[in-house]
C-alpha cells in the first residue's frame, strides 16, 4: 500500500469519526452553560446577542424586539415550551437550538437554548416573530425586568 492511500484513509477517518465526535462534545459543553445569550434592555427595545459560539450557530442573528410588542415574558420549565418546529435560519447541534424556527402550530420563533431546566419565554404581539426562547443565567429576573413599564 502506498503512502498516498494510507494518508487518504487517515484523513477520511478523521473527517468521518473524529470531527463529529468533537462537535458533539463541544455542543454538549456549550448546552450546559448558564447563559447562551446576552440581553440588553433599554427603555424601548430588547436586543438579543448570542454569546460565543452561539453567535455562529445562530448565523450572526441579533434580534431586536420592541418592548411595547412584548405580551408576556416568563421563566418556564422546558416541558412548558411551545413546539420549536423546523429550523428556517440557523444551525443546530444535539441539545442546542440556535436561530429561527417555524411551526404551523406556534408560528415563527427565535431560540438560543441548551439544556437548562428553566428558560425565558418572550411572547410577542406583532412583528416577524411570535415568540423567543432564551437560556439566560436568571430567567425570572430578566422576565421581571421586561415587565417594567416602557418609557416613551
N, C-alpha and C. Protein backbone atom coordinates (compact mmCIF):
# COMPACT_ATOMS: atom_id res chain seq x y z
N UNK A 1 0.86 -1.18 0.00
CA UNK A 1 0.00 0.00 0.00
C UNK A 1 0.90 1.24 0.00
N UNK A 2 0.62 2.15 -0.89
CA UNK A 2 1.50 3.31 -0.94
C UNK A 2 1.05 4.36 0.09
N UNK A 3 1.89 5.31 0.32
CA UNK A 3 1.64 6.31 1.38
C UNK A 3 0.45 7.22 1.07
N UNK A 4 0.16 7.47 -0.19
CA UNK A 4 -0.99 8.32 -0.54
C UNK A 4 -2.30 7.67 -0.11
N UNK A 5 -2.40 6.37 -0.27
CA UNK A 5 -3.62 5.64 0.13
C UNK A 5 -3.76 5.66 1.65
N UNK A 6 -2.67 5.46 2.36
CA UNK A 6 -2.70 5.47 3.83
C UNK A 6 -3.10 6.86 4.33
N UNK A 7 -2.55 7.89 3.75
CA UNK A 7 -2.89 9.26 4.16
C UNK A 7 -4.37 9.53 3.88
N UNK A 8 -4.87 9.08 2.75
CA UNK A 8 -6.29 9.26 2.41
C UNK A 8 -7.18 8.55 3.41
N UNK A 9 -6.82 7.36 3.84
CA UNK A 9 -7.61 6.61 4.82
C UNK A 9 -7.60 7.33 6.17
N UNK A 10 -6.44 7.80 6.59
CA UNK A 10 -6.34 8.52 7.87
C UNK A 10 -7.18 9.80 7.84
N UNK A 11 -7.12 10.55 6.76
CA UNK A 11 -7.91 11.78 6.63
C UNK A 11 -9.41 11.46 6.64
N UNK A 12 -9.80 10.40 5.95
CA UNK A 12 -11.21 10.00 5.93
C UNK A 12 -11.69 9.62 7.32
N UNK A 13 -10.90 8.89 8.07
CA UNK A 13 -11.28 8.50 9.44
C UNK A 13 -11.41 9.75 10.31
N UNK A 14 -10.50 10.67 10.17
CA UNK A 14 -10.58 11.91 10.94
C UNK A 14 -11.86 12.67 10.63
N UNK A 15 -12.19 12.78 9.36
CA UNK A 15 -13.38 13.53 8.95
C UNK A 15 -14.65 12.81 9.37
N UNK A 16 -14.70 11.50 9.20
CA UNK A 16 -15.92 10.75 9.46
C UNK A 16 -16.15 10.48 10.94
N UNK A 17 -15.10 10.27 11.70
CA UNK A 17 -15.26 9.86 13.11
C UNK A 17 -14.89 10.97 14.08
N UNK A 18 -13.71 11.49 13.99
CA UNK A 18 -13.19 12.41 15.00
C UNK A 18 -13.90 13.75 14.97
N UNK A 19 -14.11 14.34 13.81
CA UNK A 19 -14.75 15.64 13.72
C UNK A 19 -16.17 15.64 14.30
N UNK A 20 -17.05 14.70 13.91
CA UNK A 20 -18.39 14.69 14.52
C UNK A 20 -18.37 14.48 16.03
N UNK A 21 -17.49 13.62 16.53
CA UNK A 21 -17.40 13.40 17.98
C UNK A 21 -16.94 14.67 18.69
N UNK A 22 -16.02 15.38 18.10
CA UNK A 22 -15.54 16.63 18.69
C UNK A 22 -16.68 17.66 18.73
N UNK A 23 -17.43 17.77 17.63
CA UNK A 23 -18.56 18.70 17.60
C UNK A 23 -19.61 18.33 18.63
N UNK A 24 -19.87 17.04 18.82
CA UNK A 24 -20.84 16.62 19.83
C UNK A 24 -20.38 17.00 21.24
N UNK A 25 -19.09 16.82 21.52
CA UNK A 25 -18.58 17.17 22.85
C UNK A 25 -18.63 18.69 23.07
N UNK A 26 -18.27 19.45 22.05
CA UNK A 26 -18.33 20.91 22.16
C UNK A 26 -19.78 21.36 22.36
N UNK A 27 -20.70 20.79 21.59
CA UNK A 27 -22.10 21.13 21.71
C UNK A 27 -22.66 20.80 23.08
N UNK A 28 -22.28 19.66 23.63
CA UNK A 28 -22.76 19.27 24.96
C UNK A 28 -22.27 20.23 26.03
N UNK A 29 -21.01 20.61 25.96
CA UNK A 29 -20.48 21.56 26.95
C UNK A 29 -21.13 22.93 26.80
N UNK A 30 -21.36 23.35 25.57
CA UNK A 30 -22.00 24.63 25.32
C UNK A 30 -23.43 24.63 25.83
N UNK A 31 -24.15 23.53 25.63
CA UNK A 31 -25.56 23.43 26.06
C UNK A 31 -25.70 23.54 27.57
N UNK A 32 -24.66 23.26 28.31
CA UNK A 32 -24.73 23.30 29.77
C UNK A 32 -24.32 24.65 30.35
N UNK A 33 -23.91 25.60 29.51
CA UNK A 33 -23.57 26.95 30.01
C UNK A 33 -24.82 27.61 30.56
N UNK A 34 -24.69 28.41 31.59
CA UNK A 34 -25.88 29.05 32.16
C UNK A 34 -26.48 30.15 31.27
N UNK A 35 -25.66 30.77 30.43
CA UNK A 35 -26.21 31.83 29.58
C UNK A 35 -25.66 31.68 28.16
N UNK A 36 -26.58 31.58 27.22
CA UNK A 36 -26.21 31.47 25.82
C UNK A 36 -26.52 32.77 25.07
N UNK A 37 -27.13 33.71 25.79
CA UNK A 37 -27.47 35.00 25.18
C UNK A 37 -27.24 36.11 26.18
N UNK A 38 -26.78 37.22 25.67
CA UNK A 38 -26.70 38.45 26.46
C UNK A 38 -27.90 39.29 26.01
N UNK A 39 -28.67 39.77 26.97
CA UNK A 39 -29.87 40.54 26.64
C UNK A 39 -29.68 41.97 27.15
N UNK A 40 -29.77 42.92 26.23
CA UNK A 40 -29.66 44.34 26.60
C UNK A 40 -31.04 44.96 26.52
N UNK A 41 -31.50 45.48 27.66
CA UNK A 41 -32.83 46.07 27.73
C UNK A 41 -32.68 47.58 27.88
N UNK A 42 -33.31 48.32 26.95
CA UNK A 42 -33.35 49.77 27.05
C UNK A 42 -34.80 50.18 27.30
N UNK A 43 -35.06 51.48 27.31
CA UNK A 43 -36.42 51.96 27.55
C UNK A 43 -37.42 51.42 26.53
N UNK A 44 -37.00 51.29 25.27
CA UNK A 44 -37.94 50.93 24.21
C UNK A 44 -37.63 49.60 23.52
N UNK A 45 -36.47 49.03 23.79
CA UNK A 45 -36.01 47.93 22.96
C UNK A 45 -35.34 46.83 23.79
N UNK A 46 -35.39 45.63 23.25
CA UNK A 46 -34.66 44.49 23.81
C UNK A 46 -33.78 43.95 22.70
N UNK A 47 -32.49 43.92 22.95
CA UNK A 47 -31.54 43.42 21.96
C UNK A 47 -30.97 42.10 22.46
N UNK A 48 -31.05 41.07 21.63
CA UNK A 48 -30.59 39.73 21.99
C UNK A 48 -29.28 39.46 21.25
N UNK A 49 -28.23 39.19 22.02
CA UNK A 49 -26.91 38.98 21.44
C UNK A 49 -26.43 37.57 21.81
N UNK A 50 -26.30 36.70 20.82
CA UNK A 50 -25.78 35.36 21.11
C UNK A 50 -24.35 35.45 21.65
N UNK A 51 -24.02 34.57 22.59
CA UNK A 51 -22.71 34.58 23.25
C UNK A 51 -21.82 33.50 22.64
N UNK A 52 -20.57 33.87 22.36
CA UNK A 52 -19.56 32.91 21.92
C UNK A 52 -19.95 32.18 20.65
N UNK A 53 -19.81 30.85 20.70
CA UNK A 53 -20.10 30.00 19.55
C UNK A 53 -21.57 30.08 19.14
N UNK A 54 -22.45 30.44 20.07
CA UNK A 54 -23.87 30.57 19.72
C UNK A 54 -24.08 31.62 18.64
N UNK A 55 -23.20 32.61 18.57
CA UNK A 55 -23.30 33.64 17.53
C UNK A 55 -23.18 32.97 16.16
N UNK A 56 -22.24 32.07 16.01
CA UNK A 56 -22.07 31.38 14.72
C UNK A 56 -23.20 30.41 14.45
N UNK A 57 -23.64 29.69 15.48
CA UNK A 57 -24.73 28.73 15.31
C UNK A 57 -26.04 29.43 14.93
N UNK A 58 -26.23 30.65 15.41
CA UNK A 58 -27.43 31.43 15.07
C UNK A 58 -27.21 32.26 13.81
N UNK A 59 -26.12 32.00 13.11
CA UNK A 59 -25.78 32.70 11.88
C UNK A 59 -25.75 34.21 12.05
N UNK A 60 -25.15 34.64 13.15
CA UNK A 60 -24.94 36.06 13.47
C UNK A 60 -26.24 36.87 13.59
N UNK A 61 -27.35 36.21 13.84
CA UNK A 61 -28.61 36.93 14.03
C UNK A 61 -28.64 37.55 15.42
N UNK A 62 -29.07 38.79 15.50
CA UNK A 62 -29.24 39.50 16.77
C UNK A 62 -30.61 40.18 16.77
N UNK A 63 -31.65 39.44 17.11
CA UNK A 63 -32.99 40.04 17.08
C UNK A 63 -33.12 41.25 18.00
N UNK A 64 -33.87 42.23 17.53
CA UNK A 64 -34.21 43.40 18.34
C UNK A 64 -35.73 43.43 18.46
N UNK A 65 -36.21 43.49 19.70
CA UNK A 65 -37.64 43.46 19.97
C UNK A 65 -38.09 44.80 20.50
N UNK A 66 -39.23 45.25 20.05
CA UNK A 66 -39.85 46.47 20.58
C UNK A 66 -40.53 46.07 21.89
N UNK A 67 -40.19 46.74 22.98
CA UNK A 67 -40.75 46.37 24.29
C UNK A 67 -42.26 46.51 24.33
N UNK A 68 -42.83 47.40 23.53
CA UNK A 68 -44.29 47.56 23.51
C UNK A 68 -44.98 46.34 22.90
N UNK A 69 -44.25 45.53 22.14
CA UNK A 69 -44.83 44.35 21.49
C UNK A 69 -44.74 43.09 22.34
N UNK A 70 -44.11 43.21 23.53
CA UNK A 70 -43.99 42.04 24.41
C UNK A 70 -45.32 41.82 25.13
N UNK A 71 -45.96 40.70 24.86
CA UNK A 71 -47.21 40.34 25.51
C UNK A 71 -46.93 39.82 26.92
N UNK A 72 -45.93 38.94 27.04
CA UNK A 72 -45.52 38.43 28.34
C UNK A 72 -44.11 37.89 28.25
N UNK A 73 -43.45 37.90 29.37
CA UNK A 73 -42.11 37.32 29.50
C UNK A 73 -42.11 36.52 30.80
N UNK A 74 -41.84 35.23 30.69
CA UNK A 74 -41.90 34.36 31.86
C UNK A 74 -40.77 33.36 31.84
N UNK A 75 -40.36 32.96 33.04
CA UNK A 75 -39.43 31.85 33.18
C UNK A 75 -40.26 30.58 33.17
N UNK A 76 -39.96 29.66 32.28
CA UNK A 76 -40.74 28.45 32.14
C UNK A 76 -39.86 27.21 32.26
N UNK A 77 -40.47 26.15 32.72
CA UNK A 77 -39.84 24.83 32.71
C UNK A 77 -39.77 24.39 31.24
N UNK A 78 -38.72 23.73 30.89
CA UNK A 78 -38.56 23.37 29.49
C UNK A 78 -39.71 22.52 28.97
N UNK A 79 -40.42 21.79 29.84
CA UNK A 79 -41.56 20.98 29.40
C UNK A 79 -42.75 21.84 29.00
N UNK A 80 -42.77 23.12 29.39
CA UNK A 80 -43.87 24.03 29.08
C UNK A 80 -43.65 24.83 27.79
N UNK A 81 -42.55 24.59 27.12
CA UNK A 81 -42.22 25.37 25.92
C UNK A 81 -43.11 25.01 24.75
N UNK A 82 -43.40 25.98 23.87
CA UNK A 82 -44.16 25.69 22.66
C UNK A 82 -43.33 24.82 21.71
N UNK A 83 -43.97 24.32 20.69
CA UNK A 83 -43.31 23.49 19.69
C UNK A 83 -42.26 24.33 18.96
N UNK A 84 -41.05 23.78 18.85
CA UNK A 84 -39.99 24.53 18.18
C UNK A 84 -40.18 24.52 16.67
N UNK A 85 -40.54 23.42 16.09
CA UNK A 85 -40.77 23.35 14.64
C UNK A 85 -39.50 23.10 13.86
N UNK A 86 -39.49 23.57 12.63
CA UNK A 86 -38.37 23.33 11.72
C UNK A 86 -37.47 24.55 11.66
N UNK A 87 -36.19 24.29 11.63
CA UNK A 87 -35.23 25.39 11.57
C UNK A 87 -35.34 26.07 10.21
N UNK A 88 -35.44 27.38 10.23
CA UNK A 88 -35.53 28.16 9.00
C UNK A 88 -34.17 28.79 8.71
N UNK A 89 -33.60 29.42 9.71
CA UNK A 89 -32.32 30.09 9.52
C UNK A 89 -31.52 29.93 10.81
N UNK A 90 -30.47 29.16 10.73
CA UNK A 90 -29.65 28.89 11.91
C UNK A 90 -29.08 27.50 11.78
N UNK A 91 -28.33 27.09 12.76
CA UNK A 91 -27.74 25.76 12.74
C UNK A 91 -28.02 25.10 14.07
N UNK A 92 -27.77 23.84 14.14
CA UNK A 92 -28.05 23.14 15.38
C UNK A 92 -27.06 22.04 15.67
N UNK A 93 -26.98 21.69 16.92
CA UNK A 93 -26.20 20.57 17.40
C UNK A 93 -27.10 19.85 18.39
N UNK A 94 -26.88 18.58 18.62
CA UNK A 94 -27.73 17.88 19.59
C UNK A 94 -27.72 18.61 20.94
N UNK A 95 -28.91 18.88 21.47
CA UNK A 95 -29.03 19.56 22.76
C UNK A 95 -29.05 21.07 22.67
N UNK A 96 -28.87 21.61 21.47
CA UNK A 96 -28.85 23.07 21.29
C UNK A 96 -29.86 23.48 20.22
N UNK A 97 -30.46 24.63 20.41
CA UNK A 97 -31.31 25.24 19.39
C UNK A 97 -30.83 26.67 19.23
N UNK A 98 -30.46 27.03 18.01
CA UNK A 98 -29.95 28.37 17.76
C UNK A 98 -30.46 28.86 16.42
N UNK A 99 -31.19 29.97 16.42
CA UNK A 99 -31.65 30.55 15.18
C UNK A 99 -33.16 30.62 15.10
N UNK A 100 -33.64 30.83 13.88
CA UNK A 100 -35.09 30.98 13.65
C UNK A 100 -35.71 29.63 13.30
N UNK A 101 -36.92 29.43 13.82
CA UNK A 101 -37.68 28.21 13.58
C UNK A 101 -39.09 28.59 13.17
N UNK A 102 -39.77 27.66 12.48
CA UNK A 102 -41.16 27.89 12.08
C UNK A 102 -41.94 26.61 12.32
N UNK A 103 -43.13 26.80 12.90
CA UNK A 103 -44.04 25.69 13.15
C UNK A 103 -45.45 26.15 12.80
N UNK A 104 -46.23 25.27 12.20
CA UNK A 104 -47.61 25.60 11.88
C UNK A 104 -48.43 25.87 13.12
N UNK A 105 -48.07 25.22 14.24
CA UNK A 105 -48.83 25.37 15.48
C UNK A 105 -48.46 26.64 16.24
N UNK A 106 -47.19 26.94 16.33
CA UNK A 106 -46.78 28.05 17.18
C UNK A 106 -46.16 29.23 16.43
N UNK A 107 -46.05 29.17 15.13
CA UNK A 107 -45.57 30.30 14.35
C UNK A 107 -44.05 30.41 14.29
N UNK A 108 -43.56 31.60 14.00
CA UNK A 108 -42.13 31.85 13.87
C UNK A 108 -41.52 32.14 15.24
N UNK A 109 -40.32 31.65 15.43
CA UNK A 109 -39.67 31.83 16.74
C UNK A 109 -38.17 31.95 16.56
N UNK A 110 -37.52 32.47 17.61
CA UNK A 110 -36.06 32.55 17.67
C UNK A 110 -35.63 31.87 18.95
N UNK A 111 -34.67 30.96 18.85
CA UNK A 111 -34.21 30.17 20.00
C UNK A 111 -32.71 30.31 20.20
N UNK A 112 -32.30 30.48 21.45
CA UNK A 112 -30.91 30.32 21.89
C UNK A 112 -31.02 29.52 23.18
N UNK A 113 -31.06 28.20 23.06
CA UNK A 113 -31.34 27.37 24.22
C UNK A 113 -30.52 26.10 24.19
N UNK A 114 -30.15 25.67 25.39
CA UNK A 114 -29.44 24.42 25.56
C UNK A 114 -30.22 23.51 26.48
N UNK A 115 -29.57 23.02 27.52
CA UNK A 115 -30.19 22.03 28.40
C UNK A 115 -30.62 22.56 29.76
N UNK A 116 -30.66 23.85 29.94
CA UNK A 116 -31.06 24.42 31.23
C UNK A 116 -32.50 24.00 31.53
N UNK A 117 -32.82 23.73 32.80
CA UNK A 117 -34.18 23.30 33.14
C UNK A 117 -35.20 24.43 33.02
N UNK A 118 -34.76 25.68 33.20
CA UNK A 118 -35.67 26.83 33.11
C UNK A 118 -35.15 27.80 32.06
N UNK A 119 -36.05 28.25 31.20
CA UNK A 119 -35.69 29.15 30.12
C UNK A 119 -36.61 30.36 30.13
N UNK A 120 -36.20 31.42 29.46
CA UNK A 120 -37.02 32.62 29.34
C UNK A 120 -37.85 32.51 28.06
N UNK A 121 -39.17 32.67 28.20
CA UNK A 121 -40.08 32.67 27.06
C UNK A 121 -40.65 34.07 26.93
N UNK A 122 -40.46 34.68 25.76
CA UNK A 122 -41.00 36.02 25.49
C UNK A 122 -42.03 35.86 24.38
N UNK A 123 -43.30 36.09 24.71
CA UNK A 123 -44.38 36.07 23.72
C UNK A 123 -44.54 37.47 23.16
N UNK A 124 -44.68 37.55 21.83
CA UNK A 124 -44.77 38.84 21.16
C UNK A 124 -46.13 39.01 20.48
N UNK A 125 -46.60 40.25 20.44
CA UNK A 125 -47.90 40.53 19.82
C UNK A 125 -47.80 40.80 18.33
N UNK A 126 -46.68 41.33 17.88
CA UNK A 126 -46.54 41.69 16.46
C UNK A 126 -45.09 41.51 16.04
N UNK A 127 -44.86 41.65 14.76
CA UNK A 127 -43.51 41.55 14.25
C UNK A 127 -43.27 40.24 13.55
N UNK A 128 -42.04 40.03 13.12
CA UNK A 128 -41.74 38.81 12.37
C UNK A 128 -41.69 37.55 13.25
N UNK A 129 -41.57 37.71 14.57
CA UNK A 129 -41.50 36.58 15.48
C UNK A 129 -42.74 36.52 16.36
N UNK A 130 -43.17 35.28 16.65
CA UNK A 130 -44.28 35.09 17.58
C UNK A 130 -43.79 34.92 19.01
N UNK A 131 -42.60 34.33 19.16
CA UNK A 131 -42.01 34.19 20.49
C UNK A 131 -40.51 33.96 20.39
N UNK A 132 -39.84 34.17 21.53
CA UNK A 132 -38.39 34.00 21.65
C UNK A 132 -38.13 33.13 22.88
N UNK A 133 -37.20 32.19 22.76
CA UNK A 133 -36.80 31.33 23.88
C UNK A 133 -35.31 31.52 24.09
N UNK A 134 -34.93 31.88 25.34
CA UNK A 134 -33.52 32.15 25.64
C UNK A 134 -33.06 31.41 26.88
N UNK A 135 -31.84 30.95 26.84
CA UNK A 135 -31.19 30.39 28.02
C UNK A 135 -30.30 31.48 28.59
N UNK A 136 -30.75 32.03 29.73
CA UNK A 136 -30.01 33.08 30.41
C UNK A 136 -29.78 32.66 31.86
N UNK A 137 -28.85 33.32 32.51
CA UNK A 137 -28.47 32.94 33.88
C UNK A 137 -29.65 32.98 34.85
N UNK A 138 -30.47 34.03 34.79
CA UNK A 138 -31.60 34.18 35.71
C UNK A 138 -32.85 34.58 34.92
N UNK A 139 -33.57 33.60 34.36
CA UNK A 139 -34.73 33.95 33.53
C UNK A 139 -35.83 34.68 34.29
N UNK A 140 -36.02 34.37 35.56
CA UNK A 140 -37.05 35.05 36.36
C UNK A 140 -36.76 36.53 36.53
N UNK A 141 -35.51 36.88 36.81
CA UNK A 141 -35.13 38.28 36.99
C UNK A 141 -35.27 39.05 35.69
N UNK A 142 -34.86 38.44 34.58
CA UNK A 142 -34.98 39.12 33.29
C UNK A 142 -36.44 39.28 32.88
N UNK A 143 -37.27 38.29 33.18
CA UNK A 143 -38.71 38.41 32.89
C UNK A 143 -39.31 39.59 33.65
N UNK A 144 -38.93 39.73 34.93
CA UNK A 144 -39.43 40.85 35.73
C UNK A 144 -38.97 42.18 35.14
N UNK A 145 -37.72 42.25 34.69
CA UNK A 145 -37.20 43.48 34.09
C UNK A 145 -37.97 43.84 32.81
N UNK A 146 -38.35 42.83 32.04
CA UNK A 146 -39.07 43.09 30.79
C UNK A 146 -40.50 43.56 31.05
N UNK A 147 -41.03 43.29 32.24
CA UNK A 147 -42.39 43.72 32.57
C UNK A 147 -42.42 45.12 33.18
N UNK A 148 -41.27 45.72 33.43
CA UNK A 148 -41.25 47.09 33.93
C UNK A 148 -41.86 48.01 32.88
N UNK A 149 -42.52 49.08 33.30
CA UNK A 149 -43.19 49.97 32.33
C UNK A 149 -42.23 50.52 31.28
N UNK A 150 -42.74 50.64 30.07
CA UNK A 150 -41.99 51.20 28.96
C UNK A 150 -42.11 52.71 29.00
N UNK A 151 -40.98 53.39 28.89
CA UNK A 151 -40.98 54.85 28.87
C UNK A 151 -40.98 55.33 27.43
N UNK A 152 -41.80 56.30 27.13
CA UNK A 152 -41.83 56.86 25.77
C UNK A 152 -40.89 58.00 25.61
